Amino acid sequence: MNDLRIQRVSFPENSILVEFSDSRAVSIPLTHFPRLQNASPTERNEWHLIGRGLGVHWASLDEDISVENVLLAYSRTKKEAYARASLV
C-alpha cells in the first residue's frame, strides 16, 4: 500500500504545486484541472485535506483531487513534454 500523502497545495502562476509527505513536490498546469483553472485565486486557496492527506477538497468548487489523480496528471504532463521533444 502506498503511504504517500498530500501535505499542501499552492498555485504559482498557471499551475498547481502539490507537496507530499515525503518532501517531494510536483507542479502541474491548471489546464489539467478545469474547475481550478476557472476558479478565482480566493476559491483555489480555500482547500482542505481529506482522508488524512489522500486528497484535497474545495467545497465551493465541488472539486476533489486524490493523490492518484495528481500523479496521473503529472505523468500526462511528462508524456506531453516527451511527445513535443520527439517532434523536433
Protein backbone atom coordinates (compact mmCIF):
# COMPACT_ATOMS: atom_id res chain seq x y z
CA MET A 1 0.00 0.00 0.00
CA ASN A 2 1.22 3.48 -0.86
CA ASP A 3 1.73 5.76 2.13
CA LEU A 4 2.11 8.93 0.04
CA ARG A 5 0.01 11.80 1.40
CA ILE A 6 -0.58 15.37 0.29
CA GLN A 7 0.55 17.99 2.79
CA ARG A 8 -0.28 21.23 0.99
CA VAL A 9 -1.15 22.80 -2.33
CA SER A 10 -0.37 26.20 -3.79
CA PHE A 11 -0.91 27.93 -7.10
CA PRO A 12 2.18 29.57 -8.59
CA GLU A 13 1.44 31.21 -11.96
CA ASN A 14 -0.82 28.91 -14.04
CA SER A 15 -0.12 25.68 -12.20
CA ILE A 16 -0.89 23.73 -9.06
CA LEU A 17 2.03 22.76 -6.85
CA VAL A 18 1.33 19.70 -4.71
CA GLU A 19 3.68 18.95 -1.83
CA PHE A 20 3.76 15.42 -0.43
CA SER A 21 4.55 13.96 2.98
CA ASP A 22 7.87 12.55 1.74
CA SER A 23 9.13 16.08 0.87
CA ARG A 24 8.65 15.64 -2.88
CA ALA A 25 6.51 18.04 -4.89
CA VAL A 26 5.01 18.14 -8.37
CA SER A 27 3.85 21.06 -10.47
CA ILE A 28 1.03 20.54 -12.96
CA PRO A 29 -0.53 23.06 -15.37
CA LEU A 30 -4.02 24.09 -14.28
CA THR A 31 -5.29 23.05 -17.72
CA HIS A 32 -5.41 19.52 -16.28
CA PHE A 33 -7.93 20.68 -13.67
CA PRO A 34 -10.54 22.87 -15.44
CA ARG A 35 -12.55 23.73 -12.32
CA LEU A 36 -9.43 25.01 -10.60
CA GLN A 37 -8.30 26.81 -13.74
CA ASN A 38 -11.63 28.67 -13.95
CA ALA A 39 -11.75 29.44 -10.22
CA SER A 40 -10.69 32.69 -8.63
CA PRO A 41 -7.47 32.78 -6.60
CA THR A 42 -9.59 33.04 -3.44
CA GLU A 43 -11.60 29.94 -4.37
CA ARG A 44 -8.43 28.00 -5.18
CA ASN A 45 -6.93 28.82 -1.80
CA GLU A 46 -9.98 27.57 0.13
CA TRP A 47 -8.93 23.92 0.19
CA HIS A 48 -8.66 21.31 2.91
CA LEU A 49 -7.14 17.85 3.09
CA ILE A 50 -9.40 14.83 3.12
CA GLY A 51 -8.67 11.25 4.14
CA ARG A 52 -5.57 12.28 6.13
CA GLY A 53 -3.96 13.67 3.00
CA LEU A 54 -5.20 11.12 0.47
CA GLY A 55 -6.87 14.01 -1.31
CA VAL A 56 -7.77 17.69 -1.39
CA HIS A 57 -11.28 19.15 -1.37
CA TRP A 58 -12.58 22.55 -2.49
CA ALA A 59 -16.11 22.87 -1.08
CA SER A 60 -17.10 25.99 -3.04
CA LEU A 61 -15.97 24.37 -6.30
CA ASP A 62 -17.29 20.87 -5.53
CA GLU A 63 -13.84 19.57 -6.55
CA ASP A 64 -11.80 16.72 -5.12
CA ILE A 65 -8.33 15.64 -6.24
CA SER A 66 -6.69 12.49 -4.91
CA VAL A 67 -3.01 11.56 -4.72
CA GLU A 68 -3.71 9.18 -7.59
CA ASN A 69 -5.25 11.98 -9.72
CA VAL A 70 -2.28 14.24 -9.05
CA LEU A 71 0.24 11.59 -10.06
CA LEU A 72 -1.76 10.65 -13.17
CA ALA A 73 -1.98 14.30 -14.29
CA TYR A 74 1.74 14.74 -13.61
CA SER A 75 2.60 11.69 -15.71
CA ARG A 76 0.46 13.08 -18.55
CA THR A 77 2.43 16.33 -18.49
CA LYS A 78 5.66 14.35 -18.83
CA LYS A 79 4.28 12.31 -21.75
CA GLU A 80 3.17 15.53 -23.47
CA ALA A 81 6.62 17.09 -22.98
CA TYR A 82 8.29 13.95 -24.36
CA ALA A 83 5.98 13.92 -27.39
CA ARG A 84 6.77 17.58 -28.16
CA ALA A 85 10.52 16.96 -27.81
CA SER A 86 10.47 13.98 -30.13
CA LEU A 87 8.75 16.02 -32.86
CA VAL A 88 11.67 18.43 -33.06
